[in-house]
Amino acid sequence: MTLKNIKSKIDAYQGELLYTSASLFRPMVALMGSLIATAFIPPVEMGIFQAVFLVLPYLAFLHFGVFNGLARNVAFYKAQGDMEKVQRMVNASARVSKGVAFAGILAFLVMLSLGFYYEKSWLYLLTIGAVFSALFFGPMTLHIDTTFRSGQEFKQLGKIIYKESTLDIVNNTLPIFLGYYGKLIREFLRPVIAFFFRVRQQPIPPKGGFQKSDLQNLAQVGFPLLIGSYFFGVFNVADQSLILKDLGEEALGFYTISKLVLTTFFIIPATLVTMYYPKASAIYGRLKNNRELRPFFWKSLGGNILLIIPLCLIGYFLTEPVVHFFLPKYVPGIEAAKISFFTCMTYVYMGPSVIMAVVRRNVFYIIVILFSIAAMWLLPAFLPGTISLEKIAWLRCAIGVCILTVTLLYCFYLSGQDTFDE
């Protein structure tokens, strides 16, 4: 391959490369902020924070799949040249995002009322206040982000992410000076900053109206996708919910290191999925055959393996010395954190899993995740001895291996079918 060909390849994927680098830079900044906060905040207070913020994944169903449908349909109809339909889809989704933001206000008021009713501490009440911005600004930001990604405007979105991540570096220092209150300020500001960085640069701003059928289309396409992602989100916090229930807030605080590992390494395949999804949708919309997705299966799986596995191995060996040196208060959580790196390796299936969403065959995956949630909640009662952080971490890892295996087999099967479903 000549230098000219290499340059043309780089130019062709410049937007994707910028977005990928920005999306990897963002979790690094977030990880740095979390490590700083963990160093200056005791485990009990971190347990309070995690307990309150557990509400977010449990409320992630409020848009009923409209944003998921938008992610698929913008790329799908854009590939077919139907820009009028694309615009109507965006208009409908924008309206829903405002409705979900209003629902977030109601959820915040309910949480605050319950906090006062049960006479929770001021730390609890202030933490509930910090979660407000995620409930209100989060849905509108998610809508705008979806228009960037589904429209494959990766270059512009990458620039925005770099800007907000740079500002977040400054906010990361707040816990050094203000302790737990600094972390609450940081968490309150992040959704606000993300929204205002995006709202003026929307690639497909809402304008005009939409038909009722457009909203139905988005919900019909997106709801099965939402169900899968929603239950997966619930599964992702099932271990934390279980620890809070059986072991208490301090143990949940010790589990912070594991949570950082699982969250940080989940962002990597999730970032790749945001690029894989519109590309796979465009391929499917243009070629109209499941079999055309078989090359995508291998490329997405290989890309995930090459990126995720080496990083997990490096993290596994660095965890113990890093925690002993920087986070000595959290030493009881080291073993669970090291186990969590094996769980992160199972995330490689997320690239090929896009195929299920593109061809709209999500029921099987939903069933798998439901069984996984049930296993996470029920199996600890049958484990020998008393429950511990390490046992919960190993259980989470074993269930992750099961999800990996059955999902890859199913997606391989789907990509071999000679069918098409609009």
Protein backbone atom coordinates (compact mmCIF):
# COMPACT_ATOMS: atom_id res chain seq x y z
CA MET A 1 0.00 0.00 0.00
CA THR A 2 1.45 3.38 -1.06
CA LEU A 3 1.68 6.48 1.14
CA LYS A 4 -1.02 8.07 -1.00
CA ASN A 5 -3.38 5.17 -0.34
CA ILE A 6 -2.61 5.27 3.38
CA LYS A 7 -3.33 9.01 3.46
CA SER A 8 -6.62 8.51 1.61
CA LYS A 9 -7.63 5.83 4.12
CA ILE A 10 -6.81 8.15 7.04
CA ASP A 11 -8.75 11.01 5.41
CA ALA A 12 -11.74 8.74 4.80
CA TYR A 13 -11.90 7.72 8.45
CA GLN A 14 -10.75 11.02 9.96
CA GLY A 15 -14.08 11.62 11.67
CA GLU A 16 -14.26 8.13 13.13
CA LEU A 17 -10.66 8.34 14.35
CA LEU A 18 -11.28 11.70 16.03
CA TYR A 19 -14.48 10.45 17.63
CA THR A 20 -12.83 7.22 18.80
CA SER A 21 -9.88 9.04 20.33
CA ALA A 22 -12.20 11.58 21.99
CA SER A 23 -14.45 8.83 23.31
CA LEU A 24 -11.45 7.01 24.77
CA PHE A 25 -10.08 10.27 26.20
CA ARG A 26 -13.40 10.95 27.97
CA PRO A 27 -13.43 7.75 30.09
CA MET A 28 -9.77 8.35 30.94
CA VAL A 29 -10.71 11.79 32.26
CA ALA A 30 -13.73 10.33 34.06
CA LEU A 31 -11.56 7.59 35.55
CA MET A 32 -9.06 10.18 36.72
CA GLY A 33 -11.90 12.14 38.34
CA SER A 34 -13.27 9.03 40.00
CA LEU A 35 -9.85 8.05 41.34
CA ILE A 36 -9.28 11.55 42.73
CA ALA A 37 -12.72 11.52 44.35
CA THR A 38 -12.14 8.04 45.77
CA ALA A 39 -8.81 9.14 47.26
CA PHE A 40 -10.42 12.04 49.11
CA ILE A 41 -13.79 10.53 50.03
CA PRO A 42 -14.27 7.72 52.60
CA PRO A 43 -16.02 4.47 51.54
CA VAL A 44 -19.23 5.20 53.50
CA GLU A 45 -19.83 8.47 51.64
CA MET A 46 -19.01 6.83 48.30
CA GLY A 47 -21.58 4.19 49.20
CA ILE A 48 -24.21 6.91 49.71
CA PHE A 49 -23.36 8.41 46.33
CA GLN A 50 -23.63 5.09 44.51
CA ALA A 51 -26.86 4.19 46.30
CA VAL A 52 -28.60 7.40 45.15
CA PHE A 53 -27.24 7.34 41.58
CA LEU A 54 -28.47 3.76 41.16
CA VAL A 55 -31.81 5.38 40.24
CA LEU A 56 -30.54 6.42 36.80
CA PRO A 57 -30.32 2.96 35.15
CA TYR A 58 -33.67 2.00 36.68
CA LEU A 59 -35.35 5.07 35.05
CA ALA A 60 -33.69 4.61 31.66
CA PHE A 61 -36.93 3.25 30.12
CA LEU A 62 -38.76 6.61 30.18
CA HIS A 63 -38.28 7.39 26.46
CA PHE A 64 -39.84 4.00 25.51
CA GLY A 65 -37.22 3.32 22.86
CA VAL A 66 -37.69 6.45 20.76
CA PHE A 67 -33.99 7.36 20.92
CA ASN A 68 -33.02 3.79 20.06
CA GLY A 69 -35.35 3.92 17.08
CA LEU A 70 -33.85 7.23 15.99
CA ALA A 71 -30.33 5.75 16.10
CA ARG A 72 -31.40 3.04 13.67
CA ASN A 73 -33.82 4.96 11.44
CA VAL A 74 -31.76 8.07 10.68
CA ALA A 75 -28.93 5.95 9.29
CA PHE A 76 -31.39 3.59 7.61
CA TYR A 77 -33.48 6.23 5.79
CA LYS A 78 -30.52 8.48 5.09
CA ALA A 79 -28.90 5.60 3.21
CA GLN A 80 -32.08 5.40 1.11
CA GLY A 81 -32.05 9.17 0.45
CA ASP A 82 -35.35 9.88 2.24
CA MET A 83 -34.26 13.06 4.08
CA GLU A 84 -37.82 14.27 4.62
CA LYS A 85 -38.52 11.18 6.69
CA VAL A 86 -35.24 11.62 8.55
CA GLN A 87 -36.26 15.17 9.54
CA ARG A 88 -39.67 14.07 10.79
CA MET A 89 -38.05 11.34 12.88
CA VAL A 90 -35.74 13.92 14.48
CA ASN A 91 -38.69 16.24 15.17
CA ALA A 92 -40.61 13.48 16.92
CA SER A 93 -37.61 12.39 18.98
CA ALA A 94 -36.88 15.97 20.08
CA ARG A 95 -40.43 16.32 21.37
CA VAL A 96 -40.08 13.10 23.33
CA SER A 97 -36.76 14.24 24.84
CA LYS A 98 -38.47 17.28 26.35
CA GLY A 99 -41.25 15.10 27.75
CA VAL A 100 -38.72 12.76 29.36
CA ALA A 101 -36.89 15.76 30.84
CA PHE A 102 -40.17 16.84 32.46
CA ALA A 103 -40.65 13.29 33.79
CA GLY A 104 -37.15 13.60 35.25
CA ILE A 105 -38.28 16.64 37.25
CA LEU A 106 -41.16 14.61 38.67
CA ALA A 107 -38.83 11.72 39.54
CA PHE A 108 -36.50 14.15 41.33
CA LEU A 109 -39.37 15.59 43.38
CA VAL A 110 -40.51 12.09 44.37
CA MET A 111 -36.96 11.15 45.45
CA LEU A 112 -36.60 14.35 47.45
CA SER A 113 -39.96 13.85 49.14
CA LEU A 114 -39.05 10.29 50.09
CA GLY A 115 -35.73 11.52 51.42
CA PHE A 116 -37.44 13.96 53.75
CA TYR A 117 -40.11 11.41 54.70
CA TYR A 118 -37.55 8.81 55.77
CA GLU A 119 -35.44 11.50 57.45
CA LYS A 120 -32.34 10.83 55.39
CA SER A 121 -29.13 12.72 56.17
CA TRP A 122 -28.18 15.98 54.47
CA LEU A 123 -25.61 14.07 52.44
CA TYR A 124 -28.41 11.91 51.01
CA LEU A 125 -30.55 14.97 50.23
CA LEU A 126 -27.69 16.85 48.59
CA THR A 127 -26.84 13.76 46.53
CA ILE A 128 -30.45 13.62 45.34
CA GLY A 129 -30.02 17.26 44.29
CA ALA A 130 -26.90 16.35 42.32
CA VAL A 131 -28.76 13.66 40.36
CA PHE A 132 -31.33 16.24 39.16
CA SER A 133 -29.24 17.53 36.25
CA ALA A 134 -28.79 14.00 34.86
CA LEU A 135 -32.55 13.41 35.05
CA PHE A 136 -33.38 16.73 33.34
CA PHE A 137 -30.58 17.41 30.82
CA GLY A 138 -29.67 13.78 30.12
CA PRO A 139 -32.63 12.93 27.81
CA MET A 140 -32.18 16.05 25.65
CA THR A 141 -28.44 15.45 25.38
CA LEU A 142 -29.04 11.81 24.45
CA HIS A 143 -31.37 12.88 21.63
CA ILE A 144 -28.79 15.30 20.21
CA ASP A 145 -25.98 12.76 20.56
CA THR A 146 -28.09 10.27 18.64
CA THR A 147 -28.48 12.67 15.71
CA PHE A 148 -24.69 13.09 15.62
CA ARG A 149 -23.96 9.37 15.67
CA SER A 150 -26.75 8.10 13.46
CA GLY A 151 -25.97 10.84 10.93
CA GLN A 152 -22.32 9.73 11.15
CA GLU A 153 -21.20 13.26 12.11
CA PHE A 154 -18.36 11.78 14.13
CA LYS A 155 -15.82 14.54 13.53
CA GLN A 156 -17.96 17.31 15.02
CA LEU A 157 -19.05 15.17 17.95
CA GLY A 158 -15.43 14.22 18.60
CA LYS A 159 -14.49 17.91 18.87
CA ILE A 160 -17.31 18.54 21.33
CA ILE A 161 -16.29 15.59 23.50
CA TYR A 162 -12.70 16.85 23.62
CA LYS A 163 -13.91 20.28 24.76
CA GLU A 164 -16.15 18.98 27.54
CA SER A 165 -13.52 16.46 28.66
CA THR A 166 -10.94 19.23 28.91
CA LEU A 167 -13.28 21.23 31.12
CA ASP A 168 -14.01 18.10 33.13
CA ILE A 169 -10.31 17.84 33.96
CA VAL A 170 -10.68 21.08 35.89
CA ASN A 171 -13.84 19.87 37.61
CA ASN A 172 -12.04 16.68 38.62
CA THR A 173 -10.01 18.69 41.13
CA LEU A 174 -13.05 19.81 43.12
CA PRO A 175 -13.03 16.83 45.55
CA ILE A 176 -9.43 17.71 46.48
CA PHE A 177 -10.62 21.01 47.94
CA LEU A 178 -14.24 20.28 48.83
CA GLY A 179 -14.31 16.52 49.44
CA TYR A 180 -17.72 14.91 48.93
CA TYR A 181 -19.33 18.26 48.15
CA GLY A 182 -16.84 18.78 45.33
CA LYS A 183 -17.87 15.46 43.80
CA LEU A 184 -21.54 16.44 43.99
CA ILE A 185 -20.81 19.76 42.25
CA ARG A 186 -18.86 17.93 39.54
CA GLU A 187 -21.64 15.40 38.95
CA PHE A 188 -24.25 18.17 38.80
CA LEU A 189 -22.23 20.18 36.25
CA ARG A 190 -21.36 17.36 33.85
CA PRO A 191 -24.85 16.90 32.28
CA VAL A 192 -25.34 20.68 32.12
CA ILE A 193 -22.04 21.19 30.28
CA ALA A 194 -22.69 18.27 27.93
CA PHE A 195 -26.07 19.71 26.91
CA PHE A 196 -24.92 23.29 26.27
CA PHE A 197 -21.90 22.15 24.26
CA ARG A 198 -24.21 20.26 21.90
CA VAL A 199 -27.47 22.18 21.64
CA ARG A 200 -26.11 24.93 19.35
CA GLN A 201 -24.38 22.49 16.99
CA GLN A 202 -27.08 19.94 16.27
CA PRO A 203 -26.41 18.29 12.88
CA ILE A 204 -30.15 17.79 12.31
CA PRO A 205 -31.95 20.38 14.45
CA PRO A 206 -35.69 19.83 14.94
CA LYS A 207 -37.80 22.00 12.66
CA GLY A 208 -41.37 21.54 11.60
CA GLY A 209 -43.74 18.86 12.73
CA PHE A 210 -44.06 15.14 12.52
CA GLN A 211 -46.75 12.57 11.91
CA LYS A 212 -48.16 10.26 14.52
CA SER A 213 -46.92 7.37 12.40
CA ASP A 214 -43.34 8.68 12.75
CA LEU A 215 -43.54 8.48 16.52
CA GLN A 216 -45.08 5.03 16.27
CA ASN A 217 -42.32 3.98 13.88
CA LEU A 218 -39.59 5.14 16.27
CA ALA A 219 -41.21 3.43 19.25
CA GLN A 220 -41.97 0.25 17.30
CA VAL A 221 -38.38 -0.05 16.06
CA GLY A 222 -36.74 1.25 19.22
CA PHE A 223 -38.75 -0.33 22.01
CA PRO A 224 -37.35 -3.85 21.50
CA LEU A 225 -33.87 -2.26 21.38
CA LEU A 226 -34.62 -0.30 24.53
CA ILE A 227 -35.84 -3.37 26.37
CA GLY A 228 -32.56 -5.12 25.67
CA SER A 229 -30.38 -2.15 26.63
CA TYR A 230 -32.58 -1.29 29.63
CA PHE A 231 -32.44 -4.76 31.12
CA PHE A 232 -28.71 -4.85 30.41
CA GLY A 233 -28.41 -1.58 32.35
CA VAL A 234 -30.34 -3.13 35.23
CA PHE A 235 -28.08 -6.17 35.05
CA ASN A 236 -25.03 -3.89 35.18
CA VAL A 237 -26.14 -2.50 38.55
CA ALA A 238 -27.62 -5.71 39.95
CA ASP A 239 -24.35 -6.53 41.71
CA GLN A 240 -24.30 -3.07 43.35
CA SER A 241 -27.96 -3.33 44.33
CA LEU A 242 -27.28 -6.75 45.85
CA ILE A 243 -24.29 -5.45 47.82
CA LEU A 244 -26.31 -2.49 49.11
CA LYS A 245 -29.11 -4.83 50.22
CA ASP A 246 -27.01 -7.56 51.83
CA LEU A 247 -23.74 -5.91 52.86
CA GLY A 248 -24.57 -2.23 53.35
CA GLU A 249 -23.26 1.15 52.23
CA GLU A 250 -19.66 0.73 53.39
CA ALA A 251 -19.27 -2.52 51.43
CA LEU A 252 -20.77 -0.75 48.41
CA GLY A 253 -18.13 1.91 48.95
CA PHE A 254 -15.36 -0.72 48.92
CA TYR A 255 -16.86 -2.04 45.66
CA THR A 256 -16.18 1.38 44.11
CA ILE A 257 -12.96 0.12 42.52
CA SER A 258 -14.83 -2.73 40.81
CA LYS A 259 -17.48 -0.30 39.63
CA LEU A 260 -14.79 1.96 38.17
CA VAL A 261 -13.28 -0.99 36.33
CA LEU A 262 -16.60 -2.25 34.96
CA THR A 263 -17.82 1.22 33.98
CA THR A 264 -14.58 2.41 32.40
CA PHE A 265 -14.01 -0.71 30.34
CA PHE A 266 -17.67 -0.85 29.31
CA ILE A 267 -17.29 2.59 27.72
CA ILE A 268 -14.75 1.25 25.23
CA PRO A 269 -17.00 -1.30 23.44
CA ALA A 270 -20.00 0.99 23.93
CA THR A 271 -18.11 3.72 22.05
CA LEU A 272 -17.30 1.34 19.24
CA VAL A 273 -20.95 0.28 19.09
CA THR A 274 -22.02 3.88 18.44
CA MET A 275 -19.90 3.76 15.29
CA TYR A 276 -20.72 0.18 14.33
CA TYR A 277 -24.48 0.70 14.57
CA PRO A 278 -25.01 3.36 11.86
CA LYS A 279 -22.51 1.64 9.58
CA ALA A 280 -24.23 -1.73 9.93
CA SER A 281 -27.64 -0.06 9.47
CA ALA A 282 -26.43 1.64 6.31
CA ILE A 283 -25.07 -1.66 4.94
CA TYR A 284 -28.34 -3.39 5.72
CA GLY A 285 -30.46 -0.57 4.27
CA ARG A 286 -28.42 -0.53 1.06
CA LEU A 287 -27.82 -4.25 0.41
CA LYS A 288 -31.00 -5.59 2.09
CA ASN A 289 -29.73 -9.00 3.14
CA ASN A 290 -28.66 -10.45 6.48
CA ARG A 291 -25.78 -12.31 4.86
CA GLU A 292 -24.11 -9.01 3.96
CA LEU A 293 -23.53 -8.51 7.71
CA ARG A 294 -21.27 -11.58 8.10
CA PRO A 295 -18.06 -9.58 7.29
CA PHE A 296 -19.22 -6.99 9.81
CA PHE A 297 -19.53 -9.75 12.44
CA TRP A 298 -15.87 -10.73 12.12
CA LYS A 299 -14.51 -7.19 11.84
CA SER A 300 -16.39 -5.89 14.88
CA LEU A 301 -15.47 -8.94 16.98
CA GLY A 302 -11.80 -8.73 15.98
CA GLY A 303 -11.64 -5.01 16.65
CA ASN A 304 -13.11 -5.44 20.12
CA ILE A 305 -10.76 -8.30 21.00
CA LEU A 306 -7.65 -6.41 19.89
CA LEU A 307 -8.60 -3.35 21.93
CA ILE A 308 -10.25 -4.75 25.06
CA ILE A 309 -8.25 -7.85 26.02
CA PRO A 310 -4.77 -6.22 26.24
CA LEU A 311 -6.15 -3.28 28.25
CA CYS A 312 -7.87 -5.65 30.69
CA LEU A 313 -4.66 -7.62 31.24
CA ILE A 314 -2.69 -4.43 31.92
CA GLY A 315 -5.38 -3.24 34.34
CA TYR A 316 -5.44 -6.57 36.18
CA PHE A 317 -1.74 -6.42 37.06
CA LEU A 318 -1.76 -2.71 37.92
CA THR A 319 -4.80 -2.74 40.23
CA GLU A 320 -3.18 -4.02 43.42
CA PRO A 321 -0.14 -1.69 43.50
CA VAL A 322 -2.23 1.31 42.42
CA VAL A 323 -4.87 0.79 45.12
CA HIS A 324 -2.28 0.15 47.85
CA PHE A 325 -0.39 3.30 46.93
CA PHE A 326 -3.16 5.77 46.06
CA LEU A 327 -6.35 4.39 47.66
CA PRO A 328 -5.36 2.56 50.85
CA LYS A 329 -8.85 3.02 52.37
CA TYR A 330 -10.25 0.78 49.59
CA VAL A 331 -7.85 -2.18 49.94
CA PRO A 332 -10.74 -4.54 50.94
CA GLY A 333 -12.09 -4.11 47.40
CA ILE A 334 -8.92 -5.13 45.52
CA GLU A 335 -9.75 -8.80 44.87
CA ALA A 336 -13.25 -8.01 43.59
CA ALA A 337 -11.76 -5.37 41.29
CA LYS A 338 -9.23 -7.83 39.83
CA ILE A 339 -12.03 -10.32 39.17
CA SER A 340 -13.95 -7.57 37.39
CA PHE A 341 -11.24 -7.34 34.72
CA PHE A 342 -12.17 -10.88 33.61
CA THR A 343 -15.78 -9.70 33.40
CA CYS A 344 -14.70 -6.80 31.20
CA MET A 345 -13.13 -9.24 28.74
CA THR A 346 -16.59 -10.63 28.02
CA TYR A 347 -17.59 -7.23 26.57
CA VAL A 348 -16.01 -8.22 23.25
CA TYR A 349 -19.39 -9.57 22.12
CA MET A 350 -20.88 -6.06 22.05
CA GLY A 351 -19.59 -5.28 18.56
CA PRO A 352 -21.30 -8.21 16.79
CA SER A 353 -24.39 -7.73 19.00
CA VAL A 354 -25.27 -4.71 16.85
CA ILE A 355 -26.53 -7.21 14.26
CA MET A 356 -29.50 -8.09 16.46
CA ALA A 357 -30.57 -4.46 16.60
CA VAL A 358 -30.08 -3.81 12.89
CA VAL A 359 -32.13 -6.82 11.76
CA ARG A 360 -34.62 -6.30 14.61
CA ARG A 361 -34.19 -9.70 16.25
CA ASN A 362 -33.80 -8.68 19.90
CA VAL A 363 -36.22 -10.98 21.71
CA PHE A 364 -33.62 -13.69 22.25
CA TYR A 365 -31.16 -11.20 23.76
CA ILE A 366 -33.84 -9.78 26.04
CA ILE A 367 -34.59 -13.28 27.34
CA VAL A 368 -30.87 -13.89 27.94
CA ILE A 369 -30.51 -10.67 29.95
CA LEU A 370 -33.66 -11.39 31.97
CA PHE A 371 -32.27 -14.79 32.93
CA SER A 372 -28.99 -13.07 33.81
CA ILE A 373 -30.72 -10.61 36.14
CA ALA A 374 -32.63 -13.45 37.79
CA ALA A 375 -29.39 -15.42 38.22
CA MET A 376 -27.63 -12.40 39.71
CA TRP A 377 -30.35 -11.96 42.31
CA LEU A 378 -31.16 -15.59 43.10
CA LEU A 379 -27.91 -17.56 42.89
CA PRO A 380 -26.14 -15.85 45.84
CA ALA A 381 -28.54 -17.70 48.15
CA PHE A 382 -27.05 -21.01 46.93
CA LEU A 383 -23.37 -20.02 47.15
CA PRO A 384 -21.45 -21.81 49.95
CA GLY A 385 -20.54 -19.76 53.02
CA THR A 386 -21.42 -16.14 53.64
CA ILE A 387 -21.90 -13.64 50.84
CA SER A 388 -18.88 -11.44 50.04
CA LEU A 389 -17.70 -8.90 47.47
CA GLU A 390 -15.48 -11.53 45.83
CA LYS A 391 -18.31 -14.06 45.44
CA ILE A 392 -20.58 -11.45 43.88
CA ALA A 393 -17.77 -10.43 41.50
CA TRP A 394 -17.15 -14.05 40.43
CA LEU A 395 -20.88 -14.59 39.90
CA ARG A 396 -21.05 -11.47 37.74
CA CYS A 397 -18.10 -12.76 35.70
CA ALA A 398 -19.60 -16.24 35.19
CA ILE A 399 -22.88 -14.76 34.00
CA GLY A 400 -20.93 -12.47 31.66
CA VAL A 401 -19.26 -15.50 30.06
CA CYS A 402 -22.69 -17.03 29.45
CA ILE A 403 -23.95 -13.81 27.81
CA LEU A 404 -20.84 -13.68 25.63
CA THR A 405 -21.22 -17.25 24.40
CA VAL A 406 -24.90 -17.31 23.54
CA THR A 407 -24.90 -13.81 21.99
CA LEU A 408 -22.01 -14.51 19.64
CA LEU A 409 -23.58 -17.79 18.52
CA TYR A 410 -26.92 -16.11 17.87
CA CYS A 411 -25.42 -13.17 15.95
CA PHE A 412 -23.34 -15.55 13.84
CA TYR A 413 -26.55 -17.42 13.04
CA LEU A 414 -28.43 -14.22 12.11
CA SER A 415 -25.67 -13.04 9.79
CA GLY A 416 -26.00 -16.27 7.81
CA GLN A 417 -29.72 -15.92 7.05
CA ASP A 418 -30.89 -14.97 3.54
CA THR A 419 -33.59 -12.54 4.76
CA PHE A 420 -34.40 -8.83 5.02
CA ASP A 421 -36.72 -6.92 7.37
CA GLU A 422 -37.30 -3.19 6.91
